[in-house]
């Protein structure tokens, strides 16, 4: 119990520091201009600063710390990743997708502004992410910058998050197997988490073995994280979670929770979290934050 409390305190401190650091970076990178295009920048900032755990930036920073990567460079990569994540939330919330009115306890962007502005803000955030990664300030080595761009592009696109979202949209129309659901989660949620965990190794030009360990960690973490989200949809309180709940069941979507039941799904999430931690064995105490994240992912309440 004492170890759990210590790990929780360490993680809470790391989350606060990650959120503060990445928000300062985003504030400097996304400045509202004087022209009529200002509205799209205001909408971008509305999404970027609407709250959230900043878990993905934390993963970037924690993986970068393992290899002693420059903090400013790691924060720029964290900011780029957060731009992609926020873009995905904006588009997911649109009427043509999940049709959500609330996100993180606030009106979704298309409700705050309008559908067209939400689409443009998402587009602008996605492209800004690659502008950030391609800048020399992110890393002096152009080959590293190219690899960061390529890796995030793959994680974000049809072979990653977008592909997972497509599979998710089709879930109500097909009889998905458990394996189908795991693949959906690996793409929709796990792909960006994988980029976050691997980014530090990319920036440090670390060994293939180190990168494989971090990818294995992220693969298990991503699915565990998504199972926790699915449990929120079944058990959660909308006021606590910050968005509508019960939508998967209403839409007839198959999830790991609907297939296994609540208790077995929760046990599966714990198994995955334990497996994620095992992948970090070679990093000793340098991976303490990443280990704490794995437990946090399945024990969080929002």
C-alpha atoms as a PDB file:
ATOM      1  CA  UNK A   1       0.000   0.000   0.000  1.00  0.00           C
ATOM      2  CA  UNK A   2       2.844   2.408   0.833  1.00  0.00           C
ATOM      3  CA  UNK A   3       4.412   1.742  -2.586  1.00  0.00           C
ATOM      4  CA  UNK A   4       1.093   2.370  -4.333  1.00  0.00           C
ATOM      5  CA  UNK A   5       0.661   5.688  -2.513  1.00  0.00           C
ATOM      6  CA  UNK A   6       4.219   6.717  -3.381  1.00  0.00           C
ATOM      7  CA  UNK A   7       3.719   5.769  -7.038  1.00  0.00           C
ATOM      8  CA  UNK A   8       0.448   7.709  -7.152  1.00  0.00           C
ATOM      9  CA  UNK A   9       2.073  10.805  -5.666  1.00  0.00           C
ATOM     10  CA  UNK A  10       4.966  10.551  -8.126  1.00  0.00           C
ATOM     11  CA  UNK A  11       2.589  10.184 -11.060  1.00  0.00           C
ATOM     12  CA  UNK A  12       0.395  13.082  -9.962  1.00  0.00           C
ATOM     13  CA  UNK A  13       3.481  15.298  -9.768  1.00  0.00           C
ATOM     14  CA  UNK A  14       4.650  14.111 -13.199  1.00  0.00           C
ATOM     15  CA  UNK A  15       1.203  14.739 -14.715  1.00  0.00           C
ATOM     16  CA  UNK A  16       1.095  18.273 -13.331  1.00  0.00           C
ATOM     17  CA  UNK A  17       4.582  19.007 -14.652  1.00  0.00           C
ATOM     18  CA  UNK A  18       3.780  17.513 -18.059  1.00  0.00           C
ATOM     19  CA  UNK A  19       0.527  19.457 -18.347  1.00  0.00           C
ATOM     20  CA  UNK A  20       2.193  22.707 -17.320  1.00  0.00           C
ATOM     21  CA  UNK A  21       5.101  22.213 -19.706  1.00  0.00           C
ATOM     22  CA  UNK A  22       3.100  21.209 -22.756  1.00  0.00           C
ATOM     23  CA  UNK A  23       0.498  23.938 -22.196  1.00  0.00           C
ATOM     24  CA  UNK A  24       3.204  26.600 -22.079  1.00  0.00           C
ATOM     25  CA  UNK A  25       4.630  25.185 -25.294  1.00  0.00           C
ATOM     26  CA  UNK A  26       1.208  25.115 -26.984  1.00  0.00           C
ATOM     27  CA  UNK A  27       0.489  28.638 -25.810  1.00  0.00           C
ATOM     28  CA  UNK A  28       3.652  29.826 -27.550  1.00  0.00           C
ATOM     29  CA  UNK A  29       2.979  27.792 -30.710  1.00  0.00           C
ATOM     30  CA  UNK A  30      -0.696  28.661 -31.225  1.00  0.00           C
ATOM     31  CA  UNK A  31      -1.011  32.445 -31.255  1.00  0.00           C
ATOM     32  CA  UNK A  32      -4.222  34.123 -32.438  1.00  0.00           C
ATOM     33  CA  UNK A  33      -3.461  36.468 -35.382  1.00  0.00           C
ATOM     34  CA  UNK A  34      -5.151  39.786 -36.129  1.00  0.00           C
ATOM     35  CA  UNK A  35      -6.749  38.717 -39.421  1.00  0.00           C
ATOM     36  CA  UNK A  36     -10.166  37.219 -40.078  1.00  0.00           C
ATOM     37  CA  UNK A  37      -8.680  33.745 -39.799  1.00  0.00           C
ATOM     38  CA  UNK A  38      -8.424  34.433 -36.052  1.00  0.00           C
ATOM     39  CA  UNK A  39     -11.614  32.446 -35.429  1.00  0.00           C
ATOM     40  CA  UNK A  40      -9.986  29.137 -36.359  1.00  0.00           C
ATOM     41  CA  UNK A  41      -7.051  29.843 -34.034  1.00  0.00           C
ATOM     42  CA  UNK A  42      -9.446  30.692 -31.213  1.00  0.00           C
ATOM     43  CA  UNK A  43     -11.243  27.395 -31.842  1.00  0.00           C
ATOM     44  CA  UNK A  44      -7.934  25.511 -31.865  1.00  0.00           C
ATOM     45  CA  UNK A  45      -7.040  27.021 -28.504  1.00  0.00           C
ATOM     46  CA  UNK A  46     -10.498  26.212 -27.119  1.00  0.00           C
ATOM     47  CA  UNK A  47      -9.828  22.539 -27.768  1.00  0.00           C
ATOM     48  CA  UNK A  48      -6.163  22.575 -26.766  1.00  0.00           C
ATOM     49  CA  UNK A  49      -6.835  24.246 -23.407  1.00  0.00           C
ATOM     50  CA  UNK A  50     -10.124  22.535 -22.533  1.00  0.00           C
ATOM     51  CA  UNK A  51      -8.428  20.387 -19.905  1.00  0.00           C
ATOM     52  CA  UNK A  52      -7.613  16.704 -20.018  1.00  0.00           C
ATOM     53  CA  UNK A  53      -5.059  14.501 -18.328  1.00  0.00           C
ATOM     54  CA  UNK A  54      -2.238  15.194 -20.845  1.00  0.00           C
ATOM     55  CA  UNK A  55      -1.360  11.516 -20.577  1.00  0.00           C
ATOM     56  CA  UNK A  56       0.164  11.276 -24.046  1.00  0.00           C
ATOM     57  CA  UNK A  57       2.529  14.213 -23.466  1.00  0.00           C
ATOM     58  CA  UNK A  58       3.514  12.608 -20.173  1.00  0.00           C
ATOM     59  CA  UNK A  59       4.405   9.395 -22.004  1.00  0.00           C
ATOM     60  CA  UNK A  60       6.586  11.342 -24.438  1.00  0.00           C
ATOM     61  CA  UNK A  61       8.369  13.127 -21.608  1.00  0.00           C
ATOM     62  CA  UNK A  62       8.783   9.967 -19.531  1.00  0.00           C
ATOM     63  CA  UNK A  63      10.235   8.009 -22.436  1.00  0.00           C
ATOM     64  CA  UNK A  64      12.519  10.936 -23.309  1.00  0.00           C
ATOM     65  CA  UNK A  65      13.766  11.100 -19.718  1.00  0.00           C
ATOM     66  CA  UNK A  66      14.865   7.451 -19.899  1.00  0.00           C
ATOM     67  CA  UNK A  67      17.410   8.452 -22.543  1.00  0.00           C
ATOM     68  CA  UNK A  68      18.285  11.944 -21.288  1.00  0.00           C
ATOM     69  CA  UNK A  69      16.636  13.762 -24.203  1.00  0.00           C
ATOM     70  CA  UNK A  70      16.568  17.566 -24.083  1.00  0.00           C
ATOM     71  CA  UNK A  71      13.394  18.672 -22.282  1.00  0.00           C
ATOM     72  CA  UNK A  72      12.455  21.436 -24.712  1.00  0.00           C
ATOM     73  CA  UNK A  73      12.724  19.071 -27.653  1.00  0.00           C
ATOM     74  CA  UNK A  74      10.579  16.510 -25.849  1.00  0.00           C
ATOM     75  CA  UNK A  75       7.980  19.180 -25.061  1.00  0.00           C
ATOM     76  CA  UNK A  76       7.773  20.152 -28.722  1.00  0.00           C
ATOM     77  CA  UNK A  77       7.089  16.522 -29.654  1.00  0.00           C
ATOM     78  CA  UNK A  78       4.537  16.367 -26.824  1.00  0.00           C
ATOM     79  CA  UNK A  79       2.834  19.484 -28.186  1.00  0.00           C
ATOM     80  CA  UNK A  80       2.702  18.013 -31.695  1.00  0.00           C
ATOM     81  CA  UNK A  81       1.127  14.832 -30.362  1.00  0.00           C
ATOM     82  CA  UNK A  82      -1.414  16.776 -28.322  1.00  0.00           C
ATOM     83  CA  UNK A  83      -2.399  18.680 -31.478  1.00  0.00           C
ATOM     84  CA  UNK A  84      -3.166  15.370 -33.203  1.00  0.00           C
ATOM     85  CA  UNK A  85      -5.037  14.053 -30.177  1.00  0.00           C
ATOM     86  CA  UNK A  86      -7.177  17.196 -29.885  1.00  0.00           C
ATOM     87  CA  UNK A  87      -7.899  17.182 -33.621  1.00  0.00           C
ATOM     88  CA  UNK A  88      -9.153  13.609 -33.297  1.00  0.00           C
ATOM     89  CA  UNK A  89     -11.460  14.539 -30.420  1.00  0.00           C
ATOM     90  CA  UNK A  90     -12.888  17.505 -32.339  1.00  0.00           C
ATOM     91  CA  UNK A  91     -13.704  15.342 -35.354  1.00  0.00           C
ATOM     92  CA  UNK A  92     -14.940  12.392 -33.256  1.00  0.00           C
ATOM     93  CA  UNK A  93     -17.474  14.671 -31.553  1.00  0.00           C
ATOM     94  CA  UNK A  94     -19.012  15.918 -34.828  1.00  0.00           C
ATOM     95  CA  UNK A  95     -22.619  14.959 -35.684  1.00  0.00           C
ATOM     96  CA  UNK A  96     -21.396  12.753 -38.553  1.00  0.00           C
ATOM     97  CA  UNK A  97     -19.223  10.770 -36.148  1.00  0.00           C
ATOM     98  CA  UNK A  98     -20.046  10.257 -32.439  1.00  0.00           C
ATOM     99  CA  UNK A  99     -22.357  13.302 -32.201  1.00  0.00           C
ATOM    100  CA  UNK A 100     -21.350  14.362 -28.694  1.00  0.00           C
ATOM    101  CA  UNK A 101     -22.432  17.584 -26.995  1.00  0.00           C
ATOM    102  CA  UNK A 102     -19.961  17.534 -24.103  1.00  0.00           C
ATOM    103  CA  UNK A 103     -16.226  16.869 -23.847  1.00  0.00           C
ATOM    104  CA  UNK A 104     -14.223  17.199 -20.624  1.00  0.00           C
ATOM    105  CA  UNK A 105     -17.257  18.779 -18.971  1.00  0.00           C
ATOM    106  CA  UNK A 106     -17.528  21.560 -21.580  1.00  0.00           C
ATOM    107  CA  UNK A 107     -19.493  21.989 -24.819  1.00  0.00           C
ATOM    108  CA  UNK A 108     -17.802  20.210 -27.700  1.00  0.00           C
ATOM    109  CA  UNK A 109     -16.162  22.481 -30.255  1.00  0.00           C
ATOM    110  CA  UNK A 110     -18.925  22.234 -32.852  1.00  0.00           C
ATOM    111  CA  UNK A 111     -21.432  23.184 -30.147  1.00  0.00           C
ATOM    112  CA  UNK A 112     -19.307  26.103 -28.949  1.00  0.00           C
ATOM    113  CA  UNK A 113     -18.726  27.346 -32.501  1.00  0.00           C
ATOM    114  CA  UNK A 114     -20.206  25.444 -35.485  1.00  0.00           C
ATOM    115  CA  UNK A 115     -19.538  22.303 -37.531  1.00  0.00           C
ATOM    116  CA  UNK A 116     -17.466  24.030 -40.225  1.00  0.00           C
ATOM    117  CA  UNK A 117     -15.220  25.791 -37.728  1.00  0.00           C
ATOM    118  CA  UNK A 118     -14.738  22.522 -35.863  1.00  0.00           C
ATOM    119  CA  UNK A 119     -13.659  20.742 -39.052  1.00  0.00           C
ATOM    120  CA  UNK A 120     -11.217  23.524 -39.926  1.00  0.00           C
ATOM    121  CA  UNK A 121      -9.809  23.695 -36.388  1.00  0.00           C
ATOM    122  CA  UNK A 122      -9.196  19.945 -36.461  1.00  0.00           C
ATOM    123  CA  UNK A 123      -7.533  20.199 -39.871  1.00  0.00           C
ATOM    124  CA  UNK A 124      -5.332  23.063 -38.661  1.00  0.00           C
ATOM    125  CA  UNK A 125      -4.246  21.173 -35.544  1.00  0.00           C
ATOM    126  CA  UNK A 126      -3.340  18.079 -37.543  1.00  0.00           C
ATOM    127  CA  UNK A 127      -1.178  20.002 -39.983  1.00  0.00           C
ATOM    128  CA  UNK A 128       0.370  22.087 -37.199  1.00  0.00           C
ATOM    129  CA  UNK A 129       1.589  18.877 -35.571  1.00  0.00           C
ATOM    130  CA  UNK A 130       3.797  18.064 -38.543  1.00  0.00           C
ATOM    131  CA  UNK A 131       4.947  21.664 -38.859  1.00  0.00           C
ATOM    132  CA  UNK A 132       6.201  21.429 -35.281  1.00  0.00           C
ATOM    133  CA  UNK A 133       7.971  18.100 -35.815  1.00  0.00           C
ATOM    134  CA  UNK A 134       9.636  19.286 -39.027  1.00  0.00           C
ATOM    135  CA  UNK A 135      11.113  22.369 -37.358  1.00  0.00           C
ATOM    136  CA  UNK A 136      14.825  22.255 -36.507  1.00  0.00           C
ATOM    137  CA  UNK A 137      14.030  23.347 -32.937  1.00  0.00           C
ATOM    138  CA  UNK A 138      12.420  19.951 -32.377  1.00  0.00           C
ATOM    139  CA  UNK A 139      15.658  18.096 -33.154  1.00  0.00           C
ATOM    140  CA  UNK A 140      18.919  19.121 -34.863  1.00  0.00           C
ATOM    141  CA  UNK A 141      19.139  15.857 -36.838  1.00  0.00           C
ATOM    142  CA  UNK A 142      16.935  15.992 -39.972  1.00  0.00           C
ATOM    143  CA  UNK A 143      16.756  12.184 -40.083  1.00  0.00           C
ATOM    144  CA  UNK A 144      15.295  12.123 -36.587  1.00  0.00           C
ATOM    145  CA  UNK A 145      12.769  14.796 -37.538  1.00  0.00           C
ATOM    146  CA  UNK A 146      11.814  12.811 -40.626  1.00  0.00           C
ATOM    147  CA  UNK A 147      11.342   9.668 -38.558  1.00  0.00           C
ATOM    148  CA  UNK A 148       9.182  11.519 -36.032  1.00  0.00           C
ATOM    149  CA  UNK A 149       7.007  12.878 -38.850  1.00  0.00           C
ATOM    150  CA  UNK A 150       6.703   9.483 -40.542  1.00  0.00           C
ATOM    151  CA  UNK A 151       5.982   7.617 -37.301  1.00  0.00           C
ATOM    152  CA  UNK A 152       3.293  10.057 -36.168  1.00  0.00           C
ATOM    153  CA  UNK A 153       1.761  10.139 -39.656  1.00  0.00           C
ATOM    154  CA  UNK A 154       1.411   6.348 -39.664  1.00  0.00           C
ATOM    155  CA  UNK A 155       0.038   6.312 -36.119  1.00  0.00           C
ATOM    156  CA  UNK A 156      -2.527   9.001 -37.010  1.00  0.00           C
ATOM    157  CA  UNK A 157      -3.739   7.785 -40.402  1.00  0.00           C
ATOM    158  CA  UNK A 158      -5.547   4.898 -42.021  1.00  0.00           C
ATOM    159  CA  UNK A 159      -3.071   2.367 -40.662  1.00  0.00           C
ATOM    160  CA  UNK A 160      -3.525   3.796 -37.169  1.00  0.00           C
ATOM    161  CA  UNK A 161      -6.024   6.019 -35.364  1.00  0.00           C
ATOM    162  CA  UNK A 162      -8.193   6.907 -38.390  1.00  0.00           C
ATOM    163  CA  UNK A 163      -8.397   3.264 -39.412  1.00  0.00           C
ATOM    164  CA  UNK A 164      -9.423   2.346 -35.886  1.00  0.00           C
ATOM    165  CA  UNK A 165     -12.135   4.992 -35.911  1.00  0.00           C
ATOM    166  CA  UNK A 166     -13.463   3.598 -39.202  1.00  0.00           C
ATOM    167  CA  UNK A 167     -13.636   0.109 -37.714  1.00  0.00           C
ATOM    168  CA  UNK A 168     -15.384   1.593 -34.662  1.00  0.00           C
ATOM    169  CA  UNK A 169     -17.998   3.354 -36.811  1.00  0.00           C
ATOM    170  CA  UNK A 170     -18.790   0.041 -38.492  1.00  0.00           C
ATOM    171  CA  UNK A 171     -19.056  -1.850 -35.194  1.00  0.00           C
ATOM    172  CA  UNK A 172     -22.848  -1.587 -34.947  1.00  0.00           C
ATOM    173  CA  UNK A 173     -23.232  -3.116 -38.418  1.00  0.00           C
ATOM    174  CA  UNK A 174     -21.056  -6.206 -37.960  1.00  0.00           C
ATOM    175  CA  UNK A 175     -20.594  -9.060 -35.533  1.00  0.00           C
ATOM    176  CA  UNK A 176     -17.098  -8.377 -34.252  1.00  0.00           C
ATOM    177  CA  UNK A 177     -15.036 -11.041 -32.561  1.00  0.00           C
ATOM    178  CA  UNK A 178     -12.909 -10.375 -29.514  1.00  0.00           C
ATOM    179  CA  UNK A 179      -9.891 -10.247 -31.820  1.00  0.00           C
ATOM    180  CA  UNK A 180     -11.632  -7.631 -33.981  1.00  0.00           C
ATOM    181  CA  UNK A 181     -12.226  -5.470 -30.927  1.00  0.00           C
ATOM    182  CA  UNK A 182      -8.624  -5.767 -29.780  1.00  0.00           C
ATOM    183  CA  UNK A 183      -7.466  -4.689 -33.250  1.00  0.00           C
ATOM    184  CA  UNK A 184      -9.881  -1.750 -33.193  1.00  0.00           C
ATOM    185  CA  UNK A 185      -8.508  -0.627 -29.855  1.00  0.00           C
ATOM    186  CA  UNK A 186      -4.902  -1.176 -30.924  1.00  0.00           C
ATOM    187  CA  UNK A 187      -5.434   1.204 -33.844  1.00  0.00           C
ATOM    188  CA  UNK A 188      -7.874   3.765 -32.466  1.00  0.00           C
ATOM    189  CA  UNK A 189      -6.292   4.313 -29.058  1.00  0.00           C
ATOM    190  CA  UNK A 190      -3.060   2.360 -29.047  1.00  0.00           C
ATOM    191  CA  UNK A 191      -1.402   3.864 -32.117  1.00  0.00           C
ATOM    192  CA  UNK A 192      -0.928   7.342 -30.632  1.00  0.00           C
ATOM    193  CA  UNK A 193       0.047   5.870 -27.273  1.00  0.00           C
ATOM    194  CA  UNK A 194       2.657   3.787 -29.090  1.00  0.00           C
ATOM    195  CA  UNK A 195       4.080   6.887 -30.755  1.00  0.00           C
ATOM    196  CA  UNK A 196       4.188   8.669 -27.395  1.00  0.00           C
ATOM    197  CA  UNK A 197       6.071   5.855 -25.675  1.00  0.00           C
ATOM    198  CA  UNK A 198       8.497   5.351 -28.554  1.00  0.00           C
ATOM    199  CA  UNK A 199       9.180   9.045 -29.241  1.00  0.00           C
ATOM    200  CA  UNK A 200      11.902   9.360 -26.615  1.00  0.00           C
ATOM    201  CA  UNK A 201      13.794   6.439 -28.139  1.00  0.00           C
ATOM    202  CA  UNK A 202      13.475   7.974 -31.608  1.00  0.00           C
ATOM    203  CA  UNK A 203      14.839  11.316 -30.408  1.00  0.00           C
ATOM    204  CA  UNK A 204      17.711   9.566 -28.603  1.00  0.00           C
ATOM    205  CA  UNK A 205      18.512   7.237 -31.540  1.00  0.00           C
ATOM    206  CA  UNK A 206      18.182   4.386 -29.060  1.00  0.00           C
ATOM    207  CA  UNK A 207      18.714   0.711 -29.840  1.00  0.00           C
ATOM    208  CA  UNK A 208      16.153  -1.438 -31.631  1.00  0.00           C
ATOM    209  CA  UNK A 209      15.775  -3.474 -28.447  1.00  0.00           C
ATOM    210  CA  UNK A 210      14.858  -0.386 -26.436  1.00  0.00           C
ATOM    211  CA  UNK A 211      12.320   0.629 -29.044  1.00  0.00           C
ATOM    212  CA  UNK A 212      10.769  -2.848 -29.115  1.00  0.00           C
ATOM    213  CA  UNK A 213      10.406  -2.781 -25.335  1.00  0.00           C
ATOM    214  CA  UNK A 214       8.620   0.560 -25.443  1.00  0.00           C
ATOM    215  CA  UNK A 215       6.383  -0.542 -28.308  1.00  0.00           C
ATOM    216  CA  UNK A 216       5.435  -3.684 -26.398  1.00  0.00           C
ATOM    217  CA  UNK A 217       4.670  -1.581 -23.338  1.00  0.00           C
ATOM    218  CA  UNK A 218       2.518   0.797 -25.381  1.00  0.00           C
ATOM    219  CA  UNK A 219       0.612  -1.999 -27.154  1.00  0.00           C
ATOM    220  CA  UNK A 220      -0.590  -3.474 -23.873  1.00  0.00           C
ATOM    221  CA  UNK A 221      -1.134  -0.070 -22.262  1.00  0.00           C
ATOM    222  CA  UNK A 222      -3.270   1.186 -25.146  1.00  0.00           C
ATOM    223  CA  UNK A 223      -5.723  -1.694 -24.960  1.00  0.00           C
ATOM    224  CA  UNK A 224      -5.875  -1.529 -21.159  1.00  0.00           C
ATOM    225  CA  UNK A 225      -6.586   2.198 -21.408  1.00  0.00           C
ATOM    226  CA  UNK A 226      -9.410   1.622 -23.895  1.00  0.00           C
ATOM    227  CA  UNK A 227     -10.981  -1.117 -21.753  1.00  0.00           C
ATOM    228  CA  UNK A 228     -11.030   1.390 -18.889  1.00  0.00           C
ATOM    229  CA  UNK A 229     -12.815   3.867 -21.177  1.00  0.00           C
ATOM    230  CA  UNK A 230     -15.348   1.203 -22.127  1.00  0.00           C
ATOM    231  CA  UNK A 231     -15.947   0.505 -18.442  1.00  0.00           C
ATOM    232  CA  UNK A 232     -16.631   4.228 -17.923  1.00  0.00           C
ATOM    233  CA  UNK A 233     -19.256   4.035 -20.677  1.00  0.00           C
ATOM    234  CA  UNK A 234     -21.010   1.234 -18.772  1.00  0.00           C
ATOM    235  CA  UNK A 235     -20.485   2.284 -15.148  1.00  0.00           C
ATOM    236  CA  UNK A 236     -19.486   5.939 -15.273  1.00  0.00           C
ATOM    237  CA  UNK A 237     -21.267   9.095 -14.204  1.00  0.00           C
ATOM    238  CA  UNK A 238     -21.433  11.671 -17.009  1.00  0.00           C
ATOM    239  CA  UNK A 239     -20.780  14.496 -14.536  1.00  0.00           C
ATOM    240  CA  UNK A 240     -17.568  12.792 -13.396  1.00  0.00           C
ATOM    241  CA  UNK A 241     -16.405  11.463 -16.766  1.00  0.00           C
ATOM    242  CA  UNK A 242     -17.142  14.789 -18.471  1.00  0.00           C
ATOM    243  CA  UNK A 243     -19.048  13.339 -21.450  1.00  0.00           C
ATOM    244  CA  UNK A 244     -22.093  11.224 -22.238  1.00  0.00           C
ATOM    245  CA  UNK A 245     -22.047   7.602 -21.070  1.00  0.00           C
ATOM    246  CA  UNK A 246     -23.976   4.519 -22.161  1.00  0.00           C
ATOM    247  CA  UNK A 247     -23.539   5.362 -25.848  1.00  0.00           C
ATOM    248  CA  UNK A 248     -21.886   2.087 -26.887  1.00  0.00           C
ATOM    249  CA  UNK A 249     -24.777  -0.003 -25.593  1.00  0.00           C
ATOM    250  CA  UNK A 250     -27.352   2.339 -27.142  1.00  0.00           C
ATOM    251  CA  UNK A 251     -25.607   2.083 -30.509  1.00  0.00           C
ATOM    252  CA  UNK A 252     -25.330  -1.695 -30.235  1.00  0.00           C
ATOM    253  CA  UNK A 253     -21.525  -1.578 -30.403  1.00  0.00           C
ATOM    254  CA  UNK A 254     -19.530  -4.590 -29.341  1.00  0.00           C
ATOM    255  CA  UNK A 255     -16.779  -3.862 -26.815  1.00  0.00           C
ATOM    256  CA  UNK A 256     -14.528  -6.008 -24.665  1.00  0.00           C
ATOM    257  CA  UNK A 257     -16.861  -5.172 -21.773  1.00  0.00           C
ATOM    258  CA  UNK A 258     -19.963  -6.315 -23.663  1.00  0.00           C
ATOM    259  CA  UNK A 259     -18.198  -9.527 -24.675  1.00  0.00           C
ATOM    260  CA  UNK A 260     -16.508 -10.448 -21.413  1.00  0.00           C
ATOM    261  CA  UNK A 261     -18.683  -8.733 -18.845  1.00  0.00           C
ATOM    262  CA  UNK A 262     -17.550  -6.077 -16.386  1.00  0.00           C
ATOM    263  CA  UNK A 263     -15.506  -8.207 -14.019  1.00  0.00           C
ATOM    264  CA  UNK A 264     -13.674 -10.203 -16.678  1.00  0.00           C
ATOM    265  CA  UNK A 265     -12.974  -7.033 -18.658  1.00  0.00           C
ATOM    266  CA  UNK A 266     -11.549  -5.377 -15.556  1.00  0.00           C
ATOM    267  CA  UNK A 267      -9.369  -8.452 -14.939  1.00  0.00           C
ATOM    268  CA  UNK A 268      -8.199  -8.357 -18.558  1.00  0.00           C
ATOM    269  CA  UNK A 269      -7.213  -4.701 -18.170  1.00  0.00           C
ATOM    270  CA  UNK A 270      -5.136  -5.615 -15.101  1.00  0.00           C
ATOM    271  CA  UNK A 271      -3.406  -8.428 -16.988  1.00  0.00           C
ATOM    272  CA  UNK A 272      -2.541  -6.030 -19.798  1.00  0.00           C
ATOM    273  CA  UNK A 273      -1.238  -3.411 -17.362  1.00  0.00           C
ATOM    274  CA  UNK A 274       0.977  -6.044 -15.720  1.00  0.00           C
ATOM    275  CA  UNK A 275       2.267  -7.150 -19.128  1.00  0.00           C
ATOM    276  CA  UNK A 276       3.003  -3.539 -20.040  1.00  0.00           C
ATOM    277  CA  UNK A 277       5.111  -3.173 -16.907  1.00  0.00           C
ATOM    278  CA  UNK A 278       7.037  -6.359 -17.700  1.00  0.00           C
ATOM    279  CA  UNK A 279       8.208  -4.834 -20.981  1.00  0.00           C
ATOM    280  CA  UNK A 280      10.053  -2.138 -18.987  1.00  0.00           C
ATOM    281  CA  UNK A 281      12.306  -4.509 -17.062  1.00  0.00           C
ATOM    282  CA  UNK A 282      15.470  -3.401 -18.893  1.00  0.00           C
ATOM    283  CA  UNK A 283      15.020   0.255 -17.915  1.00  0.00           C
ATOM    284  CA  UNK A 284      15.172  -0.168 -14.116  1.00  0.00           C
ATOM    285  CA  UNK A 285      14.125   2.909 -12.115  1.00  0.00           C
ATOM    286  CA  UNK A 286      14.336   5.160 -15.180  1.00  0.00           C
ATOM    287  CA  UNK A 287      10.923   3.826 -16.219  1.00  0.00           C
ATOM    288  CA  UNK A 288       9.206   4.425 -12.863  1.00  0.00           C
ATOM    289  CA  UNK A 289       6.778   6.963 -14.322  1.00  0.00           C
ATOM    290  CA  UNK A 290       5.847   4.651 -17.202  1.00  0.00           C
ATOM    291  CA  UNK A 291       5.142   1.848 -14.724  1.00  0.00           C
ATOM    292  CA  UNK A 292       2.943   4.159 -12.672  1.00  0.00           C
ATOM    293  CA  UNK A 293       1.050   5.174 -15.828  1.00  0.00           C
ATOM    294  CA  UNK A 294       0.160   1.533 -16.505  1.00  0.00           C
ATOM    295  CA  UNK A 295      -1.520   1.222 -13.106  1.00  0.00           C
ATOM    296  CA  UNK A 296      -3.119   4.652 -13.408  1.00  0.00           C
ATOM    297  CA  UNK A 297      -4.640   3.740 -16.781  1.00  0.00           C
ATOM    298  CA  UNK A 298      -6.834   1.047 -15.264  1.00  0.00           C
ATOM    299  CA  UNK A 299      -7.514   2.645 -11.863  1.00  0.00           C
ATOM    300  CA  UNK A 300      -8.413   6.187 -12.991  1.00  0.00           C
ATOM    301  CA  UNK A 301     -11.914   7.571 -12.508  1.00  0.00           C
ATOM    302  CA  UNK A 302     -12.077   9.912 -15.543  1.00  0.00           C
END
